[in-house]
Amino acid sequence: MTPDSPRTGELPIYESLIRERGDVVEETRVVAEETQHQMSQALSGVAPAPQETGAL
């Protein structure tokens, strides 16, 4: 690859990693938005009490 060539050759590698491993960036964004929504509701007094997860 020369310094003047486009970097589009890297895209198939990224796309194959997403197919193979999942889109971690997208999953993180979704979880962050859900958490932000839940916290907004909790701070306004609208949200139900959080449920604990895990074994007792």
C-alpha atoms as a PDB file:
ATOM      1  CA  MET A   1       0.000   0.000   0.000  1.00  0.00           C
ATOM      2  CA  THR A   2       1.390   3.376  -0.954  1.00  0.00           C
ATOM      3  CA  PRO A   3       0.836   6.476   1.190  1.00  0.00           C
ATOM      4  CA  ASP A   4      -1.451   7.906  -1.528  1.00  0.00           C
ATOM      5  CA  SER A   5      -3.648   4.814  -1.893  1.00  0.00           C
ATOM      6  CA  PRO A   6      -7.121   4.728  -0.325  1.00  0.00           C
ATOM      7  CA  ARG A   7      -7.545   2.794   2.904  1.00  0.00           C
ATOM      8  CA  THR A   8     -10.639   0.975   1.647  1.00  0.00           C
ATOM      9  CA  GLY A   9      -8.627  -2.256   1.568  1.00  0.00           C
ATOM     10  CA  GLU A  10      -8.942  -2.420   5.354  1.00  0.00           C
ATOM     11  CA  LEU A  11     -12.749  -2.454   5.371  1.00  0.00           C
ATOM     12  CA  PRO A  12     -13.226  -6.143   4.496  1.00  0.00           C
ATOM     13  CA  ILE A  13     -11.015  -7.100   7.461  1.00  0.00           C
ATOM     14  CA  TYR A  14     -13.124  -4.979   9.818  1.00  0.00           C
ATOM     15  CA  GLU A  15     -16.349  -6.378   8.362  1.00  0.00           C
ATOM     16  CA  SER A  16     -15.124  -9.955   8.745  1.00  0.00           C
ATOM     17  CA  LEU A  17     -14.181  -9.265  12.374  1.00  0.00           C
ATOM     18  CA  ILE A  18     -17.693  -7.946  13.026  1.00  0.00           C
ATOM     19  CA  ARG A  19     -19.202 -11.089  11.487  1.00  0.00           C
ATOM     20  CA  GLU A  20     -16.834 -13.292  13.470  1.00  0.00           C
ATOM     21  CA  ARG A  21     -16.809 -11.517  16.852  1.00  0.00           C
ATOM     22  CA  GLY A  22     -19.853  -9.241  16.801  1.00  0.00           C
ATOM     23  CA  ASP A  23     -20.029  -5.468  16.721  1.00  0.00           C
ATOM     24  CA  VAL A  24     -18.773  -4.610  20.190  1.00  0.00           C
ATOM     25  CA  VAL A  25     -18.945  -0.870  19.548  1.00  0.00           C
ATOM     26  CA  GLU A  26     -22.643  -1.085  18.587  1.00  0.00           C
ATOM     27  CA  GLU A  27     -23.460  -3.334  21.550  1.00  0.00           C
ATOM     28  CA  THR A  28     -21.713  -0.913  23.909  1.00  0.00           C
ATOM     29  CA  ARG A  29     -23.642   2.034  22.464  1.00  0.00           C
ATOM     30  CA  VAL A  30     -26.975   0.232  22.935  1.00  0.00           C
ATOM     31  CA  VAL A  31     -26.182  -0.694  26.552  1.00  0.00           C
ATOM     32  CA  ALA A  32     -25.042   2.861  27.290  1.00  0.00           C
ATOM     33  CA  GLU A  33     -28.279   4.303  25.862  1.00  0.00           C
ATOM     34  CA  GLU A  34     -30.394   1.836  27.880  1.00  0.00           C
ATOM     35  CA  THR A  35     -28.469   2.691  31.047  1.00  0.00           C
ATOM     36  CA  GLN A  36     -28.862   6.411  30.419  1.00  0.00           C
ATOM     37  CA  HIS A  37     -32.612   5.964  29.918  1.00  0.00           C
ATOM     38  CA  GLN A  38     -32.933   3.911  33.118  1.00  0.00           C
ATOM     39  CA  MET A  39     -30.958   6.469  35.126  1.00  0.00           C
ATOM     40  CA  SER A  40     -33.064   9.328  33.760  1.00  0.00           C
ATOM     41  CA  GLN A  41     -36.192   7.482  34.866  1.00  0.00           C
ATOM     42  CA  ALA A  42     -34.701   6.649  38.260  1.00  0.00           C
ATOM     43  CA  LEU A  43     -33.703  10.254  38.891  1.00  0.00           C
ATOM     44  CA  SER A  44     -37.174  11.483  37.963  1.00  0.00           C
ATOM     45  CA  GLY A  45     -38.784   8.905  40.265  1.00  0.00           C
ATOM     46  CA  VAL A  46     -40.489   6.989  37.438  1.00  0.00           C
ATOM     47  CA  ALA A  47     -38.378   3.831  37.306  1.00  0.00           C
ATOM     48  CA  PRO A  48     -39.247   0.721  39.311  1.00  0.00           C
ATOM     49  CA  ALA A  49     -36.749  -0.502  41.872  1.00  0.00           C
ATOM     50  CA  PRO A  50     -33.838  -2.264  40.183  1.00  0.00           C
ATOM     51  CA  GLN A  51     -33.815  -6.040  40.361  1.00  0.00           C
ATOM     52  CA  GLU A  52     -30.660  -7.721  41.582  1.00  0.00           C
ATOM     53  CA  THR A  53     -29.146 -10.337  39.342  1.00  0.00           C
ATOM     54  CA  GLY A  54     -27.112 -13.341  40.364  1.00  0.00           C
ATOM     55  CA  ALA A  55     -27.587 -16.256  42.687  1.00  0.00           C
ATOM     56  CA  LEU A  56     -28.492 -15.776  46.309  1.00  0.00           C
END
